[in-house]
Amino acid sequence: MATGGTTAGGAKAQSSKSLANFATLFFVMIAILVLFDQDIRRALGEAVGFVFQPLFGFNYQYPVLTLVITGVIMAALTIIVRHFFTDYVEQAENQKIVSAFNKELQKARLENNTYKTKKLQELQPEILQKSMKASSTQLKLMPVTLIIVIPIFAWLSVFMGQVHSPIIAVPWSYNVNLTANTIFPNWVLLYSLISIPFGQVLARSLRYYDFRKRLREIEAEGKA
């Protein structure tokens, strides 16, 4: 009975993993289509524009402000989604366990302790699973984050193509065309400069809150 239950559980876990991998691949393919197919990008962008244009378009007069607002919205949504599905405390514990295991394994090899090395190698699959858990969680969340990112970028692509005066001044230049291309369009670079730092600050703040909350829970359990 136990073996049957374990087998069924393993089959269910494998099925869930396969479904998650398929969903990730599906949304990555959609992202590639939106990125390279101008017609699909325009159609999606115009659809999103029915909501975003009245709220953040400002009649194409303040493109930098539009980029700031949409950058903050996208970063906040993606970070918050990841936050609610990521156990940061468990993630830190797993990293500590993996680090300690690697040190012990390296020490055993340097000391030529074959018995200890063999025993540690038997534990390696379990340790590897802990090491891969964080990246596996991020992979599963990728379809959700792509659902947020793809429509916003599609709309911004349409929006920036219709901005009347895309020339702005920055500290290193007084004449930067947001729609001009270097590696990427300049507006993408500016958008990244806004969203990435904001996302890092928000992620660290939420992670700090999680750790503080867990410490308070531990302290309360110790006093009980």
N, C-alpha and C. Protein backbone atom coordinates (compact mmCIF):
# COMPACT_ATOMS: atom_id res chain seq x y z
N MET A 1 0.83 -1.21 0.00
CA MET A 1 0.00 0.00 0.00
C MET A 1 0.87 1.26 0.00
N ALA A 2 1.91 1.24 0.85
CA ALA A 2 2.78 2.42 0.95
C ALA A 2 3.49 2.68 -0.36
N THR A 3 3.94 1.56 -0.98
CA THR A 3 4.64 1.70 -2.25
C THR A 3 3.74 2.28 -3.33
N GLY A 4 2.48 1.80 -3.36
CA GLY A 4 1.52 2.32 -4.34
C GLY A 4 1.25 3.78 -4.14
N GLY A 5 1.12 4.20 -2.83
CA GLY A 5 0.87 5.60 -2.53
C GLY A 5 2.03 6.46 -2.95
N THR A 6 3.27 5.95 -2.68
CA THR A 6 4.47 6.71 -3.05
C THR A 6 4.57 6.86 -4.56
N THR A 7 4.27 5.76 -5.27
CA THR A 7 4.32 5.79 -6.72
C THR A 7 3.31 6.77 -7.30
N ALA A 8 2.08 6.74 -6.73
CA ALA A 8 1.04 7.66 -7.19
C ALA A 8 1.44 9.10 -6.92
N GLY A 9 2.03 9.33 -5.71
CA GLY A 9 2.46 10.68 -5.38
C GLY A 9 3.56 11.16 -6.29
N GLY A 10 4.51 10.24 -6.61
CA GLY A 10 5.60 10.61 -7.50
C GLY A 10 5.09 10.90 -8.90
N ALA A 11 4.11 10.11 -9.37
CA ALA A 11 3.53 10.32 -10.70
C ALA A 11 2.81 11.67 -10.76
N LYS A 12 2.11 12.00 -9.67
CA LYS A 12 1.38 13.27 -9.61
C LYS A 12 2.35 14.44 -9.62
N ALA A 13 3.46 14.31 -8.84
CA ALA A 13 4.46 15.37 -8.80
C ALA A 13 5.11 15.55 -10.17
N GLN A 14 5.40 14.42 -10.85
CA GLN A 14 6.00 14.47 -12.18
C GLN A 14 5.06 15.12 -13.19
N SER A 15 3.75 14.80 -13.05
CA SER A 15 2.75 15.39 -13.94
C SER A 15 2.66 16.90 -13.74
N SER A 16 2.70 17.34 -12.47
CA SER A 16 2.64 18.78 -12.16
C SER A 16 3.87 19.48 -12.71
N LYS A 17 5.04 18.83 -12.58
CA LYS A 17 6.28 19.41 -13.08
C LYS A 17 6.23 19.56 -14.60
N SER A 18 5.71 18.53 -15.27
CA SER A 18 5.61 18.57 -16.74
C SER A 18 4.66 19.67 -17.19
N LEU A 19 3.55 19.82 -16.46
CA LEU A 19 2.59 20.88 -16.79
C LEU A 19 3.21 22.26 -16.61
N ALA A 20 3.97 22.42 -15.51
CA ALA A 20 4.63 23.70 -15.25
C ALA A 20 5.65 24.00 -16.34
N ASN A 21 6.42 22.98 -16.75
CA ASN A 21 7.41 23.17 -17.81
C ASN A 21 6.75 23.54 -19.13
N PHE A 22 5.60 22.90 -19.43
CA PHE A 22 4.87 23.20 -20.66
C PHE A 22 4.35 24.64 -20.64
N ALA A 23 3.80 25.05 -19.49
CA ALA A 23 3.28 26.42 -19.37
C ALA A 23 4.40 27.44 -19.55
N THR A 24 5.55 27.14 -18.95
CA THR A 24 6.70 28.05 -19.09
C THR A 24 7.13 28.16 -20.54
N LEU A 25 7.27 27.02 -21.21
CA LEU A 25 7.67 27.01 -22.62
C LEU A 25 6.66 27.73 -23.49
N PHE A 26 5.37 27.53 -23.20
CA PHE A 26 4.29 28.15 -23.98
C PHE A 26 4.37 29.67 -23.89
N PHE A 27 4.55 30.20 -22.67
CA PHE A 27 4.58 31.65 -22.50
C PHE A 27 5.89 32.25 -23.00
N VAL A 28 6.98 31.48 -22.94
CA VAL A 28 8.23 31.96 -23.52
C VAL A 28 8.09 32.09 -25.03
N MET A 29 7.41 31.13 -25.66
CA MET A 29 7.17 31.20 -27.10
C MET A 29 6.30 32.41 -27.45
N ILE A 30 5.28 32.67 -26.62
CA ILE A 30 4.44 33.85 -26.85
C ILE A 30 5.28 35.13 -26.73
N ALA A 31 6.16 35.16 -25.72
CA ALA A 31 7.02 36.33 -25.53
C ALA A 31 7.90 36.56 -26.75
N ILE A 32 8.44 35.48 -27.32
CA ILE A 32 9.28 35.59 -28.51
C ILE A 32 8.46 36.11 -29.70
N LEU A 33 7.23 35.60 -29.85
CA LEU A 33 6.37 36.06 -30.94
C LEU A 33 6.06 37.54 -30.80
N VAL A 34 5.73 37.97 -29.58
CA VAL A 34 5.42 39.38 -29.34
C VAL A 34 6.65 40.25 -29.59
N LEU A 35 7.82 39.72 -29.21
CA LEU A 35 9.05 40.48 -29.37
C LEU A 35 9.41 40.70 -30.83
N PHE A 36 9.21 39.67 -31.66
CA PHE A 36 9.69 39.74 -33.04
C PHE A 36 8.59 39.99 -34.08
N ASP A 37 7.33 39.74 -33.73
CA ASP A 37 6.25 39.94 -34.69
C ASP A 37 5.58 41.28 -34.41
N GLN A 38 5.80 42.22 -35.30
CA GLN A 38 5.29 43.58 -35.08
C GLN A 38 3.76 43.63 -35.06
N ASP A 39 3.10 42.83 -35.89
CA ASP A 39 1.64 42.84 -35.95
C ASP A 39 1.02 42.33 -34.65
N ILE A 40 1.57 41.24 -34.12
CA ILE A 40 1.07 40.70 -32.84
C ILE A 40 1.33 41.69 -31.72
N ARG A 41 2.52 42.29 -31.72
CA ARG A 41 2.88 43.25 -30.68
C ARG A 41 1.95 44.46 -30.72
N ARG A 42 1.64 44.94 -31.93
CA ARG A 42 0.76 46.09 -32.06
C ARG A 42 -0.67 45.75 -31.61
N ALA A 43 -1.15 44.58 -32.00
CA ALA A 43 -2.51 44.18 -31.62
C ALA A 43 -2.65 44.05 -30.11
N LEU A 44 -1.67 43.41 -29.49
CA LEU A 44 -1.71 43.26 -28.03
C LEU A 44 -1.56 44.61 -27.34
N GLY A 45 -0.64 45.43 -27.86
CA GLY A 45 -0.43 46.75 -27.27
C GLY A 45 -1.65 47.64 -27.36
N GLU A 46 -2.34 47.59 -28.49
CA GLU A 46 -3.55 48.41 -28.65
C GLU A 46 -4.66 47.92 -27.73
N ALA A 47 -4.74 46.61 -27.52
CA ALA A 47 -5.76 46.07 -26.61
C ALA A 47 -5.50 46.53 -25.18
N VAL A 48 -4.23 46.46 -24.75
CA VAL A 48 -3.87 46.91 -23.40
C VAL A 48 -4.05 48.43 -23.29
N GLY A 49 -3.84 49.13 -24.41
CA GLY A 49 -3.95 50.58 -24.41
C GLY A 49 -5.34 51.10 -24.06
N PHE A 50 -6.37 50.30 -24.27
CA PHE A 50 -7.72 50.73 -23.89
C PHE A 50 -7.80 51.04 -22.40
N VAL A 51 -6.97 50.36 -21.60
CA VAL A 51 -6.95 50.60 -20.15
C VAL A 51 -5.80 51.53 -19.78
N PHE A 52 -4.61 51.26 -20.31
CA PHE A 52 -3.42 52.00 -19.89
C PHE A 52 -3.36 53.42 -20.46
N GLN A 53 -3.81 53.60 -21.69
CA GLN A 53 -3.68 54.91 -22.33
C GLN A 53 -4.40 56.02 -21.56
N PRO A 54 -5.66 55.83 -21.17
CA PRO A 54 -6.32 56.90 -20.40
C PRO A 54 -5.68 57.13 -19.03
N LEU A 55 -5.11 56.07 -18.44
CA LEU A 55 -4.55 56.18 -17.09
C LEU A 55 -3.14 56.74 -17.08
N PHE A 56 -2.29 56.27 -17.98
CA PHE A 56 -0.87 56.60 -17.92
C PHE A 56 -0.32 57.21 -19.20
N GLY A 57 -1.18 57.43 -20.20
CA GLY A 57 -0.69 57.96 -21.48
C GLY A 57 -0.39 59.43 -21.46
N PHE A 58 -1.13 60.22 -20.66
CA PHE A 58 -0.95 61.67 -20.54
C PHE A 58 -0.90 62.35 -21.91
N ASN A 59 -1.71 61.81 -22.83
CA ASN A 59 -1.82 62.39 -24.18
C ASN A 59 -0.45 62.50 -24.86
N TYR A 60 0.45 61.55 -24.57
CA TYR A 60 1.79 61.46 -25.17
C TYR A 60 2.68 62.64 -24.82
N GLN A 61 2.31 63.41 -23.80
CA GLN A 61 3.07 64.61 -23.46
C GLN A 61 4.23 64.35 -22.51
N TYR A 62 4.12 63.31 -21.67
CA TYR A 62 5.14 63.04 -20.65
C TYR A 62 5.58 61.57 -20.71
N PRO A 63 6.31 61.20 -21.77
CA PRO A 63 6.69 59.79 -21.94
C PRO A 63 7.55 59.24 -20.80
N VAL A 64 8.41 60.09 -20.23
CA VAL A 64 9.26 59.62 -19.12
C VAL A 64 8.41 59.28 -17.92
N LEU A 65 7.40 60.11 -17.63
CA LEU A 65 6.50 59.83 -16.52
C LEU A 65 5.74 58.53 -16.77
N THR A 66 5.33 58.31 -18.00
CA THR A 66 4.65 57.06 -18.37
C THR A 66 5.56 55.86 -18.12
N LEU A 67 6.84 55.99 -18.51
CA LEU A 67 7.80 54.91 -18.29
C LEU A 67 8.04 54.66 -16.81
N VAL A 68 8.09 55.73 -16.03
CA VAL A 68 8.29 55.58 -14.58
C VAL A 68 7.13 54.83 -13.95
N ILE A 69 5.90 55.26 -14.27
CA ILE A 69 4.72 54.64 -13.67
C ILE A 69 4.59 53.18 -14.08
N THR A 70 4.73 52.90 -15.37
CA THR A 70 4.58 51.52 -15.82
C THR A 70 5.73 50.64 -15.31
N GLY A 71 6.93 51.22 -15.20
CA GLY A 71 8.06 50.47 -14.65
C GLY A 71 7.83 50.08 -13.21
N VAL A 72 7.30 51.02 -12.43
CA VAL A 72 7.00 50.74 -11.02
C VAL A 72 5.89 49.69 -10.90
N ILE A 73 4.86 49.83 -11.74
CA ILE A 73 3.74 48.88 -11.70
C ILE A 73 4.21 47.47 -12.04
N MET A 74 4.98 47.35 -13.13
CA MET A 74 5.44 46.03 -13.55
C MET A 74 6.35 45.40 -12.50
N ALA A 75 7.30 46.18 -11.99
CA ALA A 75 8.22 45.65 -10.97
C ALA A 75 7.46 45.24 -9.72
N ALA A 76 6.52 46.08 -9.29
CA ALA A 76 5.76 45.78 -8.07
C ALA A 76 4.94 44.51 -8.23
N LEU A 77 4.26 44.38 -9.34
CA LEU A 77 3.40 43.20 -9.55
C LEU A 77 4.22 41.92 -9.61
N THR A 78 5.32 41.92 -10.36
CA THR A 78 6.13 40.71 -10.49
C THR A 78 6.80 40.34 -9.18
N ILE A 79 7.30 41.33 -8.44
CA ILE A 79 7.96 41.05 -7.16
C ILE A 79 6.95 40.55 -6.13
N ILE A 80 5.76 41.15 -6.09
CA ILE A 80 4.75 40.73 -5.13
C ILE A 80 4.27 39.31 -5.42
N VAL A 81 4.10 38.98 -6.70
CA VAL A 81 3.73 37.60 -7.06
C VAL A 81 4.79 36.62 -6.58
N ARG A 82 6.06 36.93 -6.84
CA ARG A 82 7.14 36.05 -6.40
C ARG A 82 7.19 35.95 -4.87
N HIS A 83 6.93 37.07 -4.22
CA HIS A 83 7.00 37.10 -2.76
C HIS A 83 6.01 36.12 -2.12
N PHE A 84 4.79 36.10 -2.62
CA PHE A 84 3.77 35.25 -2.01
C PHE A 84 3.96 33.77 -2.31
N PHE A 85 4.81 33.45 -3.29
CA PHE A 85 5.04 32.05 -3.62
C PHE A 85 6.46 31.59 -3.27
N THR A 86 7.22 32.43 -2.59
CA THR A 86 8.59 32.09 -2.22
C THR A 86 8.76 32.16 -0.72
N ASP A 87 9.26 31.08 -0.14
CA ASP A 87 9.59 31.05 1.28
C ASP A 87 11.05 31.45 1.43
N TYR A 88 11.30 32.73 1.74
CA TYR A 88 12.66 33.23 1.80
C TYR A 88 13.45 32.62 2.95
N VAL A 89 12.77 32.33 4.05
CA VAL A 89 13.45 31.73 5.20
C VAL A 89 13.92 30.32 4.84
N GLU A 90 13.03 29.54 4.24
CA GLU A 90 13.41 28.19 3.80
C GLU A 90 14.52 28.26 2.75
N GLN A 91 14.45 29.24 1.88
CA GLN A 91 15.46 29.42 0.85
C GLN A 91 16.83 29.69 1.48
N ALA A 92 16.86 30.55 2.50
CA ALA A 92 18.11 30.86 3.19
C ALA A 92 18.64 29.63 3.94
N GLU A 93 17.73 28.87 4.55
CA GLU A 93 18.14 27.64 5.26
C GLU A 93 18.74 26.63 4.28
N ASN A 94 18.11 26.47 3.12
CA ASN A 94 18.62 25.54 2.12
C ASN A 94 20.00 25.96 1.61
N GLN A 95 20.18 27.26 1.41
CA GLN A 95 21.48 27.76 0.96
C GLN A 95 22.57 27.49 2.01
N LYS A 96 22.19 27.64 3.28
CA LYS A 96 23.14 27.38 4.36
C LYS A 96 23.50 25.90 4.42
N ILE A 97 22.50 25.03 4.26
CA ILE A 97 22.73 23.58 4.28
C ILE A 97 23.63 23.17 3.11
N VAL A 98 23.35 23.69 1.92
CA VAL A 98 24.14 23.36 0.73
C VAL A 98 25.58 23.82 0.90
N SER A 99 25.75 25.04 1.43
CA SER A 99 27.10 25.58 1.64
C SER A 99 27.88 24.72 2.64
N ALA A 100 27.23 24.34 3.75
CA ALA A 100 27.89 23.51 4.76
C ALA A 100 28.23 22.13 4.20
N PHE A 101 27.33 21.57 3.40
CA PHE A 101 27.57 20.25 2.80
C PHE A 101 28.77 20.30 1.86
N ASN A 102 28.84 21.33 1.02
CA ASN A 102 29.95 21.45 0.06
C ASN A 102 31.29 21.59 0.78
N LYS A 103 31.29 22.33 1.91
CA LYS A 103 32.51 22.49 2.68
C LYS A 103 32.96 21.15 3.28
N GLU A 104 32.00 20.39 3.81
CA GLU A 104 32.32 19.09 4.40
C GLU A 104 32.81 18.10 3.35
N LEU A 105 32.19 18.12 2.18
CA LEU A 105 32.60 17.23 1.12
C LEU A 105 34.01 17.57 0.63
N GLN A 106 34.28 18.86 0.48
CA GLN A 106 35.60 19.29 0.05
C GLN A 106 36.66 18.92 1.10
N LYS A 107 36.31 19.08 2.38
CA LYS A 107 37.23 18.74 3.47
C LYS A 107 37.53 17.24 3.48
N ALA A 108 36.48 16.43 3.29
CA ALA A 108 36.66 14.97 3.28
C ALA A 108 37.56 14.53 2.13
N ARG A 109 37.41 15.17 0.98
CA ARG A 109 38.25 14.83 -0.17
C ARG A 109 39.70 15.24 0.05
N LEU A 110 39.89 16.43 0.65
CA LEU A 110 41.25 16.90 0.92
C LEU A 110 41.96 16.00 1.93
N GLU A 111 41.19 15.49 2.90
CA GLU A 111 41.74 14.59 3.92
C GLU A 111 41.82 13.15 3.43
N ASN A 112 41.35 12.92 2.21
CA ASN A 112 41.34 11.56 1.63
C ASN A 112 40.55 10.59 2.51
N ASN A 113 39.48 11.11 3.11
CA ASN A 113 38.60 10.29 3.96
C ASN A 113 37.54 9.65 3.06
N THR A 114 37.84 8.48 2.53
CA THR A 114 36.97 7.84 1.55
C THR A 114 35.62 7.45 2.15
N TYR A 115 35.61 7.02 3.41
CA TYR A 115 34.35 6.62 4.05
C TYR A 115 33.39 7.81 4.15
N LYS A 116 33.92 8.94 4.67
CA LYS A 116 33.09 10.14 4.82
C LYS A 116 32.66 10.69 3.45
N THR A 117 33.59 10.64 2.49
CA THR A 117 33.26 11.11 1.15
C THR A 117 32.13 10.30 0.55
N LYS A 118 32.19 8.97 0.72
CA LYS A 118 31.16 8.09 0.18
C LYS A 118 29.80 8.39 0.82
N LYS A 119 29.80 8.56 2.16
CA LYS A 119 28.55 8.85 2.86
C LYS A 119 27.96 10.18 2.42
N LEU A 120 28.81 11.17 2.24
CA LEU A 120 28.33 12.48 1.80
C LEU A 120 27.81 12.42 0.37
N GLN A 121 28.47 11.66 -0.48
CA GLN A 121 28.02 11.53 -1.86
C GLN A 121 26.66 10.85 -1.95
N GLU A 122 26.38 9.96 -0.99
CA GLU A 122 25.05 9.33 -0.94
C GLU A 122 23.96 10.34 -0.63
N LEU A 123 24.34 11.40 0.09
CA LEU A 123 23.38 12.47 0.43
C LEU A 123 23.28 13.53 -0.67
N GLN A 124 24.15 13.47 -1.65
CA GLN A 124 24.24 14.52 -2.67
C GLN A 124 22.94 14.76 -3.44
N PRO A 125 22.19 13.70 -3.84
CA PRO A 125 20.93 13.96 -4.55
C PRO A 125 19.95 14.80 -3.72
N GLU A 126 19.87 14.53 -2.43
CA GLU A 126 18.96 15.29 -1.56
C GLU A 126 19.43 16.74 -1.44
N ILE A 127 20.74 16.93 -1.31
CA ILE A 127 21.29 18.28 -1.20
C ILE A 127 21.10 19.04 -2.52
N LEU A 128 21.29 18.33 -3.62
CA LEU A 128 21.10 18.95 -4.94
C LEU A 128 19.65 19.40 -5.12
N GLN A 129 18.73 18.61 -4.59
CA GLN A 129 17.30 18.97 -4.67
C GLN A 129 17.03 20.26 -3.91
N LYS A 130 17.68 20.42 -2.75
CA LYS A 130 17.53 21.66 -1.99
C LYS A 130 18.12 22.83 -2.75
N SER A 131 19.24 22.58 -3.42
CA SER A 131 19.91 23.62 -4.18
C SER A 131 19.06 24.08 -5.37
N MET A 132 18.34 23.13 -5.99
CA MET A 132 17.56 23.42 -7.18
C MET A 132 16.17 23.96 -6.86
N LYS A 133 15.77 23.90 -5.58
CA LYS A 133 14.39 24.26 -5.23
C LYS A 133 14.08 25.72 -5.55
N ALA A 134 15.02 26.61 -5.24
CA ALA A 134 14.78 28.04 -5.48
C ALA A 134 14.61 28.33 -6.96
N SER A 135 15.51 27.79 -7.79
CA SER A 135 15.42 28.03 -9.23
C SER A 135 14.18 27.37 -9.82
N SER A 136 13.78 26.23 -9.24
CA SER A 136 12.56 25.55 -9.71
C SER A 136 11.32 26.40 -9.42
N THR A 137 11.30 27.04 -8.25
CA THR A 137 10.17 27.92 -7.90
C THR A 137 10.09 29.10 -8.86
N GLN A 138 11.26 29.71 -9.16
CA GLN A 138 11.28 30.84 -10.08
C GLN A 138 10.82 30.44 -11.47
N LEU A 139 11.20 29.22 -11.88
CA LEU A 139 10.80 28.72 -13.20
C LEU A 139 9.29 28.54 -13.28
N LYS A 140 8.69 28.03 -12.19
CA LYS A 140 7.25 27.84 -12.17
C LYS A 140 6.50 29.17 -12.19
N LEU A 141 7.12 30.21 -11.63
CA LEU A 141 6.47 31.52 -11.57
C LEU A 141 6.65 32.32 -12.87
N MET A 142 7.55 31.85 -13.74
CA MET A 142 7.82 32.60 -14.97
C MET A 142 6.58 32.85 -15.82
N PRO A 143 5.69 31.86 -16.03
CA PRO A 143 4.49 32.15 -16.83
C PRO A 143 3.65 33.28 -16.25
N VAL A 144 3.55 33.33 -14.91
CA VAL A 144 2.75 34.38 -14.26
C VAL A 144 3.39 35.74 -14.50
N THR A 145 4.71 35.82 -14.32
CA THR A 145 5.38 37.10 -14.52
C THR A 145 5.35 37.53 -15.98
N LEU A 146 5.42 36.56 -16.90
CA LEU A 146 5.35 36.90 -18.32
C LEU A 146 3.98 37.46 -18.69
N ILE A 147 2.93 36.97 -18.02
CA ILE A 147 1.58 37.49 -18.25
C ILE A 147 1.52 38.98 -17.91
N ILE A 148 2.31 39.37 -16.92
CA ILE A 148 2.36 40.78 -16.51
C ILE A 148 3.26 41.59 -17.45
N VAL A 149 4.44 41.04 -17.74
CA VAL A 149 5.46 41.79 -18.48
C VAL A 149 5.12 41.98 -19.96
N ILE A 150 4.67 40.91 -20.62
CA ILE A 150 4.46 40.96 -22.07
C ILE A 150 3.45 42.04 -22.48
N PRO A 151 2.25 42.10 -21.87
CA PRO A 151 1.29 43.13 -22.29
C PRO A 151 1.78 44.55 -22.04
N ILE A 152 2.50 44.76 -20.91
CA ILE A 152 3.00 46.11 -20.61
C ILE A 152 4.03 46.53 -21.66
N PHE A 153 4.95 45.63 -21.99
CA PHE A 153 5.95 45.96 -23.00
C PHE A 153 5.32 46.17 -24.37
N ALA A 154 4.31 45.37 -24.69
CA ALA A 154 3.63 45.53 -25.98
C ALA A 154 2.98 46.90 -26.07
N TRP A 155 2.33 47.33 -24.99
CA TRP A 155 1.69 48.64 -25.01
C TRP A 155 2.72 49.75 -25.10
N LEU A 156 3.81 49.63 -24.32
CA LEU A 156 4.85 50.66 -24.36
C LEU A 156 5.47 50.78 -25.74
N SER A 157 5.61 49.64 -26.43
CA SER A 157 6.15 49.67 -27.79
C SER A 157 5.25 50.47 -28.72
N VAL A 158 3.94 50.25 -28.61
CA VAL A 158 2.97 51.00 -29.42
C VAL A 158 2.95 52.46 -28.99
N PHE A 159 2.94 52.68 -27.69
CA PHE A 159 2.87 54.04 -27.14
C PHE A 159 4.07 54.88 -27.57
N MET A 160 5.28 54.33 -27.41
CA MET A 160 6.48 55.11 -27.74
C MET A 160 6.57 55.41 -29.23
N GLY A 161 5.99 54.55 -30.06
CA GLY A 161 5.98 54.81 -31.49
C GLY A 161 5.09 55.97 -31.89
N GLN A 162 4.21 56.39 -30.97
CA GLN A 162 3.28 57.47 -31.27
C GLN A 162 3.58 58.75 -30.49
N VAL A 163 4.65 58.73 -29.70
CA VAL A 163 5.03 59.94 -28.94
C VAL A 163 5.49 61.02 -29.91
N HIS A 164 4.97 62.23 -29.74
CA HIS A 164 5.24 63.32 -30.67
C HIS A 164 6.67 63.84 -30.54
N SER A 165 7.15 63.94 -29.30
CA SER A 165 8.49 64.48 -29.08
C SER A 165 9.25 63.54 -28.13
N PRO A 166 9.96 62.54 -28.70
CA PRO A 166 10.64 61.56 -27.86
C PRO A 166 12.04 62.00 -27.42
N ILE A 167 12.38 63.26 -27.59
CA ILE A 167 13.71 63.77 -27.23
C ILE A 167 13.70 64.22 -25.77
N ILE A 168 14.65 63.71 -24.98
CA ILE A 168 14.75 64.12 -23.58
C ILE A 168 16.20 64.47 -23.26
N ALA A 169 16.39 65.13 -22.13
CA ALA A 169 17.73 65.45 -21.63
C ALA A 169 18.05 64.56 -20.45
N VAL A 170 19.26 64.05 -20.42
CA VAL A 170 19.76 63.24 -19.31
C VAL A 170 21.08 63.84 -18.85
N PRO A 171 21.61 63.44 -17.68
CA PRO A 171 22.84 64.07 -17.17
C PRO A 171 24.01 64.04 -18.15
N TRP A 172 24.10 63.00 -18.99
CA TRP A 172 25.25 62.89 -19.89
C TRP A 172 24.95 63.38 -21.32
N SER A 173 23.70 63.80 -21.57
CA SER A 173 23.37 64.30 -22.91
C SER A 173 22.08 65.10 -22.84
N TYR A 174 22.03 66.17 -23.66
CA TYR A 174 20.83 67.01 -23.71
C TYR A 174 19.92 66.62 -24.88
N ASN A 175 20.29 65.61 -25.62
CA ASN A 175 19.54 65.30 -26.83
C ASN A 175 19.48 63.78 -27.04
N VAL A 176 18.66 63.10 -26.25
CA VAL A 176 18.53 61.64 -26.34
C VAL A 176 17.16 61.31 -26.92
N ASN A 177 17.18 60.57 -28.01
CA ASN A 177 15.93 60.14 -28.65
C ASN A 177 15.51 58.80 -28.05
N LEU A 178 14.39 58.78 -27.36
CA LEU A 178 13.94 57.57 -26.69
C LEU A 178 13.63 56.43 -27.65
N THR A 179 13.28 56.75 -28.88
CA THR A 179 12.92 55.71 -29.84
C THR A 179 14.11 55.24 -30.68
N ALA A 180 15.27 55.89 -30.52
CA ALA A 180 16.45 55.47 -31.27
C ALA A 180 16.99 54.16 -30.70
N ASN A 181 17.68 53.40 -31.55
CA ASN A 181 18.19 52.09 -31.15
C ASN A 181 19.70 52.13 -30.93
N THR A 182 20.13 51.51 -29.85
CA THR A 182 21.54 51.16 -29.67
C THR A 182 21.57 49.63 -29.78
N ILE A 183 21.60 48.94 -28.64
CA ILE A 183 21.34 47.50 -28.64
C ILE A 183 19.84 47.29 -28.58
N PHE A 184 19.20 48.06 -27.71
CA PHE A 184 17.74 48.11 -27.59
C PHE A 184 17.32 49.56 -27.78
N PRO A 185 16.02 49.79 -28.00
CA PRO A 185 15.56 51.18 -28.01
C PRO A 185 15.90 51.87 -26.69
N ASN A 186 16.22 53.15 -26.75
CA ASN A 186 16.63 53.88 -25.55
C ASN A 186 15.55 53.87 -24.47
N TRP A 187 14.27 53.81 -24.87
CA TRP A 187 13.23 53.80 -23.86
C TRP A 187 13.25 52.50 -23.05
N VAL A 188 13.69 51.40 -23.65
CA VAL A 188 13.82 50.14 -22.92
C VAL A 188 14.91 50.25 -21.87
N LEU A 189 16.03 50.90 -22.23
CA LEU A 189 17.12 51.09 -21.28
C LEU A 189 16.69 51.98 -20.12
N LEU A 190 15.96 53.06 -20.44
CA LEU A 190 15.47 53.95 -19.39
C LEU A 190 14.47 53.22 -18.50
N TYR A 191 13.60 52.45 -19.12
CA TYR A 191 12.61 51.66 -18.39
C TYR A 191 13.30 50.69 -17.44
N SER A 192 14.38 50.06 -17.89
CA SER A 192 15.12 49.12 -17.05
C SER A 192 15.80 49.84 -15.88
N LEU A 193 16.33 51.03 -16.17
CA LEU A 193 16.98 51.81 -15.11
C LEU A 193 15.99 52.20 -14.00
N ILE A 194 14.72 52.27 -14.37
CA ILE A 194 13.68 52.60 -13.38
C ILE A 194 13.20 51.35 -12.66
N SER A 195 12.83 50.32 -13.41
CA SER A 195 12.16 49.15 -12.83
C SER A 195 13.09 48.24 -12.04
N ILE A 196 14.33 48.05 -12.53
CA ILE A 196 15.24 47.11 -11.86
C ILE A 196 15.63 47.58 -10.45
N PRO A 197 16.11 48.83 -10.27
CA PRO A 197 16.43 49.26 -8.90
C PRO A 197 15.21 49.26 -7.97
N PHE A 198 14.07 49.72 -8.49
CA PHE A 198 12.86 49.71 -7.67
C PHE A 198 12.49 48.29 -7.27
N GLY A 199 12.58 47.36 -8.21
CA GLY A 199 12.27 45.96 -7.93
C GLY A 199 13.20 45.37 -6.88
N GLN A 200 14.50 45.71 -6.96
CA GLN A 200 15.46 45.21 -5.98
C GLN A 200 15.17 45.73 -4.58
N VAL A 201 14.85 47.02 -4.49
CA VAL A 201 14.53 47.61 -3.19
C VAL A 201 13.27 46.98 -2.60
N LEU A 202 12.24 46.82 -3.43
CA LEU A 202 10.99 46.22 -2.96
C LEU A 202 11.20 44.78 -2.54
N ALA A 203 11.95 44.00 -3.34
CA ALA A 203 12.20 42.59 -3.01
C ALA A 203 12.95 42.45 -1.70
N ARG A 204 13.97 43.29 -1.50
CA ARG A 204 14.74 43.24 -0.25
C ARG A 204 13.90 43.65 0.94
N SER A 205 13.02 44.64 0.73
CA SER A 205 12.14 45.09 1.81
C SER A 205 11.16 43.99 2.22
N LEU A 206 10.57 43.32 1.25
CA LEU A 206 9.64 42.23 1.54
C LEU A 206 10.36 41.05 2.19
N ARG A 207 11.59 40.77 1.73
CA ARG A 207 12.37 39.69 2.32
C ARG A 207 12.72 40.01 3.77
N TYR A 208 13.10 41.26 4.02
CA TYR A 208 13.41 41.71 5.39
C TYR A 208 12.18 41.57 6.28
N TYR A 209 11.03 41.95 5.76
CA TYR A 209 9.78 41.83 6.52
C TYR A 209 9.50 40.37 6.87
N ASP A 210 9.73 39.46 5.91
CA ASP A 210 9.51 38.04 6.14
C ASP A 210 10.41 37.51 7.25
N PHE A 211 11.69 37.87 7.21
CA PHE A 211 12.62 37.42 8.24
C PHE A 211 12.26 37.98 9.61
N ARG A 212 11.89 39.24 9.66
CA ARG A 212 11.49 39.86 10.93
C ARG A 212 10.25 39.17 11.49
N LYS A 213 9.31 38.86 10.61
CA LYS A 213 8.09 38.19 11.03
C LYS A 213 8.39 36.81 11.60
N ARG A 214 9.27 36.05 10.92
CA ARG A 214 9.62 34.71 11.40
C ARG A 214 10.35 34.79 12.74
N LEU A 215 11.22 35.79 12.92
CA LEU A 215 11.94 35.94 14.19
C LEU A 215 10.97 36.25 15.33
N ARG A 216 9.96 37.08 15.05
CA ARG A 216 8.96 37.38 16.09
C ARG A 216 8.18 36.13 16.46
N GLU A 217 7.87 35.30 15.45
CA GLU A 217 7.15 34.05 15.73
C GLU A 217 7.98 33.10 16.58
N ILE A 218 9.29 33.03 16.28
CA ILE A 218 10.19 32.17 17.07
C ILE A 218 10.29 32.68 18.51
N GLU A 219 10.41 34.00 18.67
CA GLU A 219 10.49 34.59 20.00
C GLU A 219 9.21 34.33 20.79
N ALA A 220 8.05 34.44 20.10
CA ALA A 220 6.77 34.19 20.77
C ALA A 220 6.65 32.72 21.20
N GLU A 221 7.13 31.80 20.35
CA GLU A 221 7.09 30.37 20.71
C GLU A 221 8.01 30.08 21.90
N GLY A 222 9.16 30.81 21.98
CA GLY A 222 10.09 30.59 23.09
C GLY A 222 9.54 31.08 24.42
N LYS A 223 8.72 32.14 24.36
CA LYS A 223 8.13 32.68 25.59
C LYS A 223 6.92 31.89 26.06
N ALA A 224 6.28 31.15 25.10
CA ALA A 224 5.05 30.43 25.43
C ALA A 224 5.34 29.23 26.34
